[in-house]
Amino acid sequence: MKRLVFTLLILLACTLFAEEEPRHYDYNGASRQMHRIYYGDLQETLYCGCSYKNKKSIDFNSCDYAPRENPKRKSFRRAHRIEWEHIVTAHNMGHFLPCWKEGGRKNCSNNNEQFDLMEGDLHNLYPAIGEVNGDRSNFMFSQWTNEPEPMYGKCSTIVDFELKKVQPRKEARGIIARVSFYMEKTYGVSLSNQDRKLFEAWDRMHPVSSKECLRDKRIYNVQGDHNPFVYDKCVEQKLYLDE
């Protein structure tokens, strides 16, 4: 009897202390979790650094933002709302999947488990002003000028529509690099040699910040896993602190 009780206690301890599997969501499920991550100091947009109170209340004065389109166009209306931006685009995540080839993102969503996991991964989602999110489209990130001509007020993120590329503001570059590394390691979303060299440079030049570490911690609390390209550096630099 004593041996049985001891065995049961060991099994119970193993159960209690076993590491939980990550709790991944599809895109709609992930969207409903955003309020658990982006509150307080983290209510700031990726591409322009604008603070916001909720999805329809953006403080343009906090970042000197100005919509580039005229008020009659749909994209102007998108400038006044927050959208959840995929840093690694849905196209880049899914274009190699059979479901994408048969019907694009709409066909993959909720019809392909791998795509659902990628589309809803919280590490890859970030608040962005809808207008900039729309302008970015599925363009790849690049860097081509040290003196960008602002397109959205004083926001330094710029889009080249002709060449289909985006140069993000400096504060976003390290974040973008480390998310891209995470998506490659976790899901096999491969990087070109050119992108890898660029992102490695961004990772070195724009190290993790306390806000990025806080974001990683909150995502862990919701989703159950870290971005190791963020977490390891946060621990090393002692930025991974309790709230």
C-alpha atoms as a PDB file:
ATOM      1  CA  MET A   1       0.000   0.000   0.000  1.00  0.00           C
ATOM      2  CA  LYS A   2       2.797   2.432   0.917  1.00  0.00           C
ATOM      3  CA  ARG A   3       4.527   1.707  -2.393  1.00  0.00           C
ATOM      4  CA  LEU A   4       1.280   2.422  -4.252  1.00  0.00           C
ATOM      5  CA  VAL A   5       0.749   5.703  -2.427  1.00  0.00           C
ATOM      6  CA  PHE A   6       4.353   6.731  -3.135  1.00  0.00           C
ATOM      7  CA  THR A   7       3.954   5.911  -6.838  1.00  0.00           C
ATOM      8  CA  LEU A   8       0.744   7.936  -7.047  1.00  0.00           C
ATOM      9  CA  LEU A   9       2.434  10.903  -5.374  1.00  0.00           C
ATOM     10  CA  ILE A  10       5.303  10.751  -7.870  1.00  0.00           C
ATOM     11  CA  LEU A  11       2.875  10.643 -10.796  1.00  0.00           C
ATOM     12  CA  LEU A  12       0.926  13.581  -9.367  1.00  0.00           C
ATOM     13  CA  ALA A  13       4.110  15.636  -8.956  1.00  0.00           C
ATOM     14  CA  CYS A  14       5.165  14.870 -12.516  1.00  0.00           C
ATOM     15  CA  THR A  15       1.770  15.984 -13.744  1.00  0.00           C
ATOM     16  CA  LEU A  16       1.849  19.216 -11.771  1.00  0.00           C
ATOM     17  CA  PHE A  17       5.339  20.183 -12.843  1.00  0.00           C
ATOM     18  CA  ALA A  18       5.236  18.967 -16.424  1.00  0.00           C
ATOM     19  CA  GLU A  19       5.667  21.731 -18.957  1.00  0.00           C
ATOM     20  CA  GLU A  20       2.409  22.535 -20.679  1.00  0.00           C
ATOM     21  CA  GLU A  21       2.123  22.358 -24.429  1.00  0.00           C
ATOM     22  CA  PRO A  22       1.771  25.748 -26.162  1.00  0.00           C
ATOM     23  CA  ARG A  23      -1.831  26.891 -26.567  1.00  0.00           C
ATOM     24  CA  HIS A  24      -1.920  28.076 -30.159  1.00  0.00           C
ATOM     25  CA  TYR A  25      -4.949  29.748 -31.741  1.00  0.00           C
ATOM     26  CA  ASP A  26      -6.297  30.375 -35.200  1.00  0.00           C
ATOM     27  CA  TYR A  27      -6.303  34.015 -36.345  1.00  0.00           C
ATOM     28  CA  ASN A  28      -9.749  34.834 -34.933  1.00  0.00           C
ATOM     29  CA  GLY A  29      -8.869  33.216 -31.620  1.00  0.00           C
ATOM     30  CA  ALA A  30      -5.566  35.073 -31.498  1.00  0.00           C
ATOM     31  CA  SER A  31      -7.305  38.384 -32.179  1.00  0.00           C
ATOM     32  CA  ARG A  32      -9.473  37.825 -29.113  1.00  0.00           C
ATOM     33  CA  GLN A  33      -6.348  37.407 -26.960  1.00  0.00           C
ATOM     34  CA  MET A  34      -4.695  40.678 -27.944  1.00  0.00           C
ATOM     35  CA  HIS A  35      -6.090  42.663 -25.018  1.00  0.00           C
ATOM     36  CA  ARG A  36      -4.151  40.315 -22.707  1.00  0.00           C
ATOM     37  CA  ILE A  37      -0.865  41.343 -24.330  1.00  0.00           C
ATOM     38  CA  TYR A  38      -1.204  44.884 -25.618  1.00  0.00           C
ATOM     39  CA  TYR A  39      -2.174  47.106 -22.720  1.00  0.00           C
ATOM     40  CA  GLY A  40      -0.369  49.850 -20.847  1.00  0.00           C
ATOM     41  CA  ASP A  41       3.017  50.707 -22.334  1.00  0.00           C
ATOM     42  CA  LEU A  42       2.640  48.070 -25.062  1.00  0.00           C
ATOM     43  CA  GLN A  43      -0.264  49.896 -26.698  1.00  0.00           C
ATOM     44  CA  GLU A  44       1.992  51.231 -29.412  1.00  0.00           C
ATOM     45  CA  THR A  45       1.910  50.569 -33.165  1.00  0.00           C
ATOM     46  CA  LEU A  46       4.763  48.730 -34.867  1.00  0.00           C
ATOM     47  CA  TYR A  47       5.501  50.904 -37.881  1.00  0.00           C
ATOM     48  CA  CYS A  48       5.002  54.398 -36.487  1.00  0.00           C
ATOM     49  CA  GLY A  49       5.135  54.107 -32.700  1.00  0.00           C
ATOM     50  CA  CYS A  50       1.704  55.674 -32.167  1.00  0.00           C
ATOM     51  CA  SER A  51      -0.007  55.079 -28.837  1.00  0.00           C
ATOM     52  CA  TYR A  52      -3.662  54.055 -28.795  1.00  0.00           C
ATOM     53  CA  LYS A  53      -6.442  53.483 -26.281  1.00  0.00           C
ATOM     54  CA  ASN A  54      -8.447  50.939 -28.258  1.00  0.00           C
ATOM     55  CA  LYS A  55      -8.784  49.722 -31.843  1.00  0.00           C
ATOM     56  CA  LYS A  56     -10.598  52.891 -32.924  1.00  0.00           C
ATOM     57  CA  SER A  57      -8.790  55.499 -30.839  1.00  0.00           C
ATOM     58  CA  ILE A  58      -5.250  56.243 -32.050  1.00  0.00           C
ATOM     59  CA  ASP A  59      -3.322  59.207 -30.684  1.00  0.00           C
ATOM     60  CA  PHE A  60      -1.804  60.712 -33.847  1.00  0.00           C
ATOM     61  CA  ASN A  61      -0.177  63.465 -31.792  1.00  0.00           C
ATOM     62  CA  SER A  62       1.923  60.896 -29.926  1.00  0.00           C
ATOM     63  CA  CYS A  63       3.806  60.048 -33.129  1.00  0.00           C
ATOM     64  CA  ASP A  64       3.049  63.013 -35.432  1.00  0.00           C
ATOM     65  CA  TYR A  65       1.130  60.713 -37.750  1.00  0.00           C
ATOM     66  CA  ALA A  66      -0.910  61.998 -40.691  1.00  0.00           C
ATOM     67  CA  PRO A  67      -2.914  59.835 -43.109  1.00  0.00           C
ATOM     68  CA  ARG A  68      -1.522  59.992 -46.628  1.00  0.00           C
ATOM     69  CA  GLU A  69      -4.798  59.358 -48.479  1.00  0.00           C
ATOM     70  CA  ASN A  70      -7.729  61.693 -48.998  1.00  0.00           C
ATOM     71  CA  PRO A  71     -10.772  61.279 -46.728  1.00  0.00           C
ATOM     72  CA  LYS A  72     -12.936  59.730 -49.464  1.00  0.00           C
ATOM     73  CA  ARG A  73     -10.734  56.670 -49.892  1.00  0.00           C
ATOM     74  CA  LYS A  74     -11.069  53.437 -47.943  1.00  0.00           C
ATOM     75  CA  SER A  75      -7.432  53.464 -46.854  1.00  0.00           C
ATOM     76  CA  PHE A  76      -7.986  56.841 -45.163  1.00  0.00           C
ATOM     77  CA  ARG A  77     -10.657  55.256 -42.988  1.00  0.00           C
ATOM     78  CA  ARG A  78      -8.240  52.453 -42.159  1.00  0.00           C
ATOM     79  CA  ALA A  79      -5.827  55.082 -40.830  1.00  0.00           C
ATOM     80  CA  HIS A  80      -8.153  55.567 -37.886  1.00  0.00           C
ATOM     81  CA  ARG A  81      -8.186  51.987 -36.662  1.00  0.00           C
ATOM     82  CA  ILE A  82      -5.766  49.405 -35.270  1.00  0.00           C
ATOM     83  CA  GLU A  83      -5.263  46.171 -37.190  1.00  0.00           C
ATOM     84  CA  TRP A  84      -3.294  43.065 -36.199  1.00  0.00           C
ATOM     85  CA  GLU A  85      -0.400  42.909 -38.623  1.00  0.00           C
ATOM     86  CA  HIS A  86       1.423  39.715 -39.586  1.00  0.00           C
ATOM     87  CA  ILE A  87       5.114  40.613 -39.511  1.00  0.00           C
ATOM     88  CA  VAL A  88       5.755  37.544 -41.666  1.00  0.00           C
ATOM     89  CA  THR A  89       2.907  37.914 -44.144  1.00  0.00           C
ATOM     90  CA  ALA A  90       0.161  35.360 -44.718  1.00  0.00           C
ATOM     91  CA  HIS A  91       1.356  35.050 -48.311  1.00  0.00           C
ATOM     92  CA  ASN A  92       4.898  34.242 -47.231  1.00  0.00           C
ATOM     93  CA  MET A  93       3.601  31.717 -44.692  1.00  0.00           C
ATOM     94  CA  GLY A  94       1.206  29.937 -46.974  1.00  0.00           C
ATOM     95  CA  HIS A  95       2.175  30.280 -50.639  1.00  0.00           C
ATOM     96  CA  PHE A  96       4.016  26.930 -50.626  1.00  0.00           C
ATOM     97  CA  LEU A  97       1.014  25.014 -49.221  1.00  0.00           C
ATOM     98  CA  PRO A  98      -1.361  23.112 -51.570  1.00  0.00           C
ATOM     99  CA  CYS A  99      -4.372  24.911 -50.057  1.00  0.00           C
ATOM    100  CA  TRP A 100      -2.880  28.274 -51.036  1.00  0.00           C
ATOM    101  CA  LYS A 101      -2.275  27.171 -54.595  1.00  0.00           C
ATOM    102  CA  GLU A 102      -5.896  26.060 -54.798  1.00  0.00           C
ATOM    103  CA  GLY A 103      -7.483  29.216 -53.397  1.00  0.00           C
ATOM    104  CA  GLY A 104      -5.119  31.492 -51.477  1.00  0.00           C
ATOM    105  CA  ARG A 105      -5.466  32.600 -47.882  1.00  0.00           C
ATOM    106  CA  LYS A 106      -9.236  32.202 -47.771  1.00  0.00           C
ATOM    107  CA  ASN A 107      -8.914  28.566 -48.774  1.00  0.00           C
ATOM    108  CA  CYS A 108      -6.150  27.851 -46.240  1.00  0.00           C
ATOM    109  CA  SER A 109      -7.819  29.542 -43.255  1.00  0.00           C
ATOM    110  CA  ASN A 110      -9.613  26.923 -41.145  1.00  0.00           C
ATOM    111  CA  ASN A 111      -8.866  24.266 -43.779  1.00  0.00           C
ATOM    112  CA  ASN A 112      -5.181  23.688 -43.072  1.00  0.00           C
ATOM    113  CA  GLU A 113      -3.940  23.068 -39.541  1.00  0.00           C
ATOM    114  CA  GLN A 114      -0.396  24.232 -40.226  1.00  0.00           C
ATOM    115  CA  PHE A 115      -1.582  27.486 -41.761  1.00  0.00           C
ATOM    116  CA  ASP A 116      -4.018  28.092 -38.904  1.00  0.00           C
ATOM    117  CA  LEU A 117      -1.153  27.757 -36.400  1.00  0.00           C
ATOM    118  CA  MET A 118       1.040  30.166 -38.349  1.00  0.00           C
ATOM    119  CA  GLU A 119      -1.757  32.658 -38.961  1.00  0.00           C
ATOM    120  CA  GLY A 120      -2.694  32.783 -35.286  1.00  0.00           C
ATOM    121  CA  ASP A 121       0.756  32.694 -33.699  1.00  0.00           C
ATOM    122  CA  LEU A 122       0.877  35.631 -31.297  1.00  0.00           C
ATOM    123  CA  HIS A 123       4.611  36.129 -31.730  1.00  0.00           C
ATOM    124  CA  ASN A 124       3.983  37.122 -35.363  1.00  0.00           C
ATOM    125  CA  LEU A 125       1.120  39.560 -34.689  1.00  0.00           C
ATOM    126  CA  TYR A 126       1.605  43.205 -33.820  1.00  0.00           C
ATOM    127  CA  PRO A 127      -0.691  46.262 -33.682  1.00  0.00           C
ATOM    128  CA  ALA A 128      -0.390  48.523 -36.708  1.00  0.00           C
ATOM    129  CA  ILE A 129      -2.314  51.458 -38.101  1.00  0.00           C
ATOM    130  CA  GLY A 130      -4.663  50.031 -40.709  1.00  0.00           C
ATOM    131  CA  GLU A 131      -3.526  52.374 -43.467  1.00  0.00           C
ATOM    132  CA  VAL A 132       0.125  51.333 -43.084  1.00  0.00           C
ATOM    133  CA  ASN A 133      -0.858  47.683 -42.761  1.00  0.00           C
ATOM    134  CA  GLY A 134      -2.790  47.955 -46.022  1.00  0.00           C
ATOM    135  CA  ASP A 135       0.039  49.771 -47.792  1.00  0.00           C
ATOM    136  CA  ARG A 136       2.552  47.176 -46.639  1.00  0.00           C
ATOM    137  CA  SER A 137       0.371  44.442 -48.209  1.00  0.00           C
ATOM    138  CA  ASN A 138       2.602  41.393 -48.691  1.00  0.00           C
ATOM    139  CA  PHE A 139       5.698  43.433 -49.552  1.00  0.00           C
ATOM    140  CA  MET A 140       9.025  42.261 -48.157  1.00  0.00           C
ATOM    141  CA  PHE A 141      11.133  44.358 -45.792  1.00  0.00           C
ATOM    142  CA  SER A 142      14.197  46.150 -47.070  1.00  0.00           C
ATOM    143  CA  GLN A 143      16.518  49.085 -46.350  1.00  0.00           C
ATOM    144  CA  TRP A 144      17.567  51.470 -49.096  1.00  0.00           C
ATOM    145  CA  THR A 145      17.920  54.995 -47.720  1.00  0.00           C
ATOM    146  CA  ASN A 146      19.253  56.691 -44.609  1.00  0.00           C
ATOM    147  CA  GLU A 147      17.064  59.732 -45.243  1.00  0.00           C
ATOM    148  CA  PRO A 148      13.526  58.450 -45.812  1.00  0.00           C
ATOM    149  CA  GLU A 149      11.010  60.962 -47.104  1.00  0.00           C
ATOM    150  CA  PRO A 150       8.070  60.652 -44.694  1.00  0.00           C
ATOM    151  CA  MET A 151       4.780  59.404 -46.101  1.00  0.00           C
ATOM    152  CA  TYR A 152       2.616  59.436 -42.975  1.00  0.00           C
ATOM    153  CA  GLY A 153       3.301  62.727 -41.237  1.00  0.00           C
ATOM    154  CA  LYS A 154       6.644  62.304 -39.459  1.00  0.00           C
ATOM    155  CA  CYS A 155       6.495  58.493 -39.313  1.00  0.00           C
ATOM    156  CA  SER A 156       9.774  57.187 -40.763  1.00  0.00           C
ATOM    157  CA  THR A 157       8.399  53.909 -42.144  1.00  0.00           C
ATOM    158  CA  ILE A 158       8.144  54.162 -45.938  1.00  0.00           C
ATOM    159  CA  VAL A 159       6.686  52.013 -48.716  1.00  0.00           C
ATOM    160  CA  ASP A 160       7.944  51.714 -52.292  1.00  0.00           C
ATOM    161  CA  PHE A 161       4.849  50.659 -54.218  1.00  0.00           C
ATOM    162  CA  GLU A 162       6.688  50.306 -57.519  1.00  0.00           C
ATOM    163  CA  LEU A 163       9.382  47.971 -56.182  1.00  0.00           C
ATOM    164  CA  LYS A 164       6.998  46.390 -53.643  1.00  0.00           C
ATOM    165  CA  LYS A 165       9.163  46.783 -50.571  1.00  0.00           C
ATOM    166  CA  VAL A 166       8.944  48.400 -47.136  1.00  0.00           C
ATOM    167  CA  GLN A 167      11.597  50.118 -45.061  1.00  0.00           C
ATOM    168  CA  PRO A 168      10.434  50.080 -41.421  1.00  0.00           C
ATOM    169  CA  ARG A 169      11.436  52.668 -38.852  1.00  0.00           C
ATOM    170  CA  LYS A 170      14.592  51.822 -36.909  1.00  0.00           C
ATOM    171  CA  GLU A 171      12.710  50.942 -33.718  1.00  0.00           C
ATOM    172  CA  ALA A 172      10.839  48.146 -35.509  1.00  0.00           C
ATOM    173  CA  ARG A 173      13.766  46.529 -37.321  1.00  0.00           C
ATOM    174  CA  GLY A 174      15.115  44.327 -34.536  1.00  0.00           C
ATOM    175  CA  ILE A 175      11.586  43.179 -33.665  1.00  0.00           C
ATOM    176  CA  ILE A 176      10.932  42.235 -37.298  1.00  0.00           C
ATOM    177  CA  ALA A 177      14.221  40.333 -37.550  1.00  0.00           C
ATOM    178  CA  ARG A 178      13.677  38.266 -34.408  1.00  0.00           C
ATOM    179  CA  VAL A 179      10.083  37.396 -35.338  1.00  0.00           C
ATOM    180  CA  SER A 180      11.274  36.311 -38.792  1.00  0.00           C
ATOM    181  CA  PHE A 181      13.897  34.028 -37.216  1.00  0.00           C
ATOM    182  CA  TYR A 182      11.211  32.586 -34.931  1.00  0.00           C
ATOM    183  CA  MET A 183       8.839  31.842 -37.811  1.00  0.00           C
ATOM    184  CA  GLU A 184      11.614  30.129 -39.740  1.00  0.00           C
ATOM    185  CA  LYS A 185      12.641  27.968 -36.782  1.00  0.00           C
ATOM    186  CA  THR A 186       9.095  27.123 -35.682  1.00  0.00           C
ATOM    187  CA  TYR A 187       7.341  26.615 -39.016  1.00  0.00           C
ATOM    188  CA  GLY A 188      10.051  26.415 -41.637  1.00  0.00           C
ATOM    189  CA  VAL A 189       9.141  29.729 -43.302  1.00  0.00           C
ATOM    190  CA  SER A 190      12.466  30.069 -45.040  1.00  0.00           C
ATOM    191  CA  LEU A 191      14.425  33.282 -45.479  1.00  0.00           C
ATOM    192  CA  SER A 192      16.320  34.200 -48.609  1.00  0.00           C
ATOM    193  CA  ASN A 193      20.048  34.769 -48.224  1.00  0.00           C
ATOM    194  CA  GLN A 194      19.465  38.469 -48.784  1.00  0.00           C
ATOM    195  CA  ASP A 195      16.783  38.682 -46.091  1.00  0.00           C
ATOM    196  CA  ARG A 196      18.875  36.652 -43.662  1.00  0.00           C
ATOM    197  CA  LYS A 197      21.852  38.982 -43.979  1.00  0.00           C
ATOM    198  CA  LEU A 198      19.612  42.024 -43.572  1.00  0.00           C
ATOM    199  CA  PHE A 199      17.828  40.631 -40.515  1.00  0.00           C
ATOM    200  CA  GLU A 200      21.067  39.496 -38.895  1.00  0.00           C
ATOM    201  CA  ALA A 201      22.325  43.057 -39.243  1.00  0.00           C
ATOM    202  CA  TRP A 202      19.079  44.463 -37.816  1.00  0.00           C
ATOM    203  CA  ASP A 203      19.249  42.007 -34.915  1.00  0.00           C
ATOM    204  CA  ARG A 204      22.748  43.241 -34.043  1.00  0.00           C
ATOM    205  CA  MET A 205      22.077  46.943 -34.573  1.00  0.00           C
ATOM    206  CA  HIS A 206      18.697  47.049 -32.790  1.00  0.00           C
ATOM    207  CA  PRO A 207      18.863  44.817 -29.670  1.00  0.00           C
ATOM    208  CA  VAL A 208      15.916  43.748 -27.544  1.00  0.00           C
ATOM    209  CA  SER A 209      14.239  46.385 -25.409  1.00  0.00           C
ATOM    210  CA  SER A 210      12.396  46.063 -22.118  1.00  0.00           C
ATOM    211  CA  LYS A 211       9.106  46.440 -24.027  1.00  0.00           C
ATOM    212  CA  GLU A 212       9.980  43.601 -26.378  1.00  0.00           C
ATOM    213  CA  CYS A 213      10.841  41.422 -23.395  1.00  0.00           C
ATOM    214  CA  LEU A 214       7.555  42.312 -21.698  1.00  0.00           C
ATOM    215  CA  ARG A 215       5.695  41.426 -24.904  1.00  0.00           C
ATOM    216  CA  ASP A 216       7.419  38.031 -25.002  1.00  0.00           C
ATOM    217  CA  LYS A 217       6.507  37.377 -21.377  1.00  0.00           C
ATOM    218  CA  ARG A 218       2.849  38.226 -21.919  1.00  0.00           C
ATOM    219  CA  ILE A 219       2.692  36.048 -25.021  1.00  0.00           C
ATOM    220  CA  TYR A 220       4.174  33.201 -22.992  1.00  0.00           C
ATOM    221  CA  ASN A 221       1.450  33.674 -20.380  1.00  0.00           C
ATOM    222  CA  VAL A 222      -1.240  33.439 -23.069  1.00  0.00           C
ATOM    223  CA  GLN A 223       0.217  31.085 -25.675  1.00  0.00           C
ATOM    224  CA  GLY A 224       2.655  29.072 -23.562  1.00  0.00           C
ATOM    225  CA  ASP A 225       5.896  29.518 -25.495  1.00  0.00           C
ATOM    226  CA  HIS A 226       8.699  32.046 -25.949  1.00  0.00           C
ATOM    227  CA  ASN A 227      10.420  33.434 -28.971  1.00  0.00           C
ATOM    228  CA  PRO A 228      13.919  32.138 -28.126  1.00  0.00           C
ATOM    229  CA  PHE A 229      15.532  34.845 -30.249  1.00  0.00           C
ATOM    230  CA  VAL A 230      13.986  37.349 -27.832  1.00  0.00           C
ATOM    231  CA  TYR A 231      13.807  35.458 -24.552  1.00  0.00           C
ATOM    232  CA  ASP A 232      17.429  34.335 -24.408  1.00  0.00           C
ATOM    233  CA  LYS A 233      18.664  37.884 -24.909  1.00  0.00           C
ATOM    234  CA  CYS A 234      16.192  39.263 -22.381  1.00  0.00           C
ATOM    235  CA  VAL A 235      17.475  36.845 -19.755  1.00  0.00           C
ATOM    236  CA  GLU A 236      21.112  37.534 -20.655  1.00  0.00           C
ATOM    237  CA  GLN A 237      20.612  41.283 -20.370  1.00  0.00           C
ATOM    238  CA  LYS A 238      18.378  40.955 -17.278  1.00  0.00           C
ATOM    239  CA  LEU A 239      15.457  42.643 -19.016  1.00  0.00           C
ATOM    240  CA  TYR A 240      13.001  39.808 -18.412  1.00  0.00           C
ATOM    241  CA  LEU A 241      11.510  41.234 -15.216  1.00  0.00           C
ATOM    242  CA  ASP A 242       8.270  40.738 -13.342  1.00  0.00           C
ATOM    243  CA  GLU A 243       5.566  43.336 -13.993  1.00  0.00           C
END
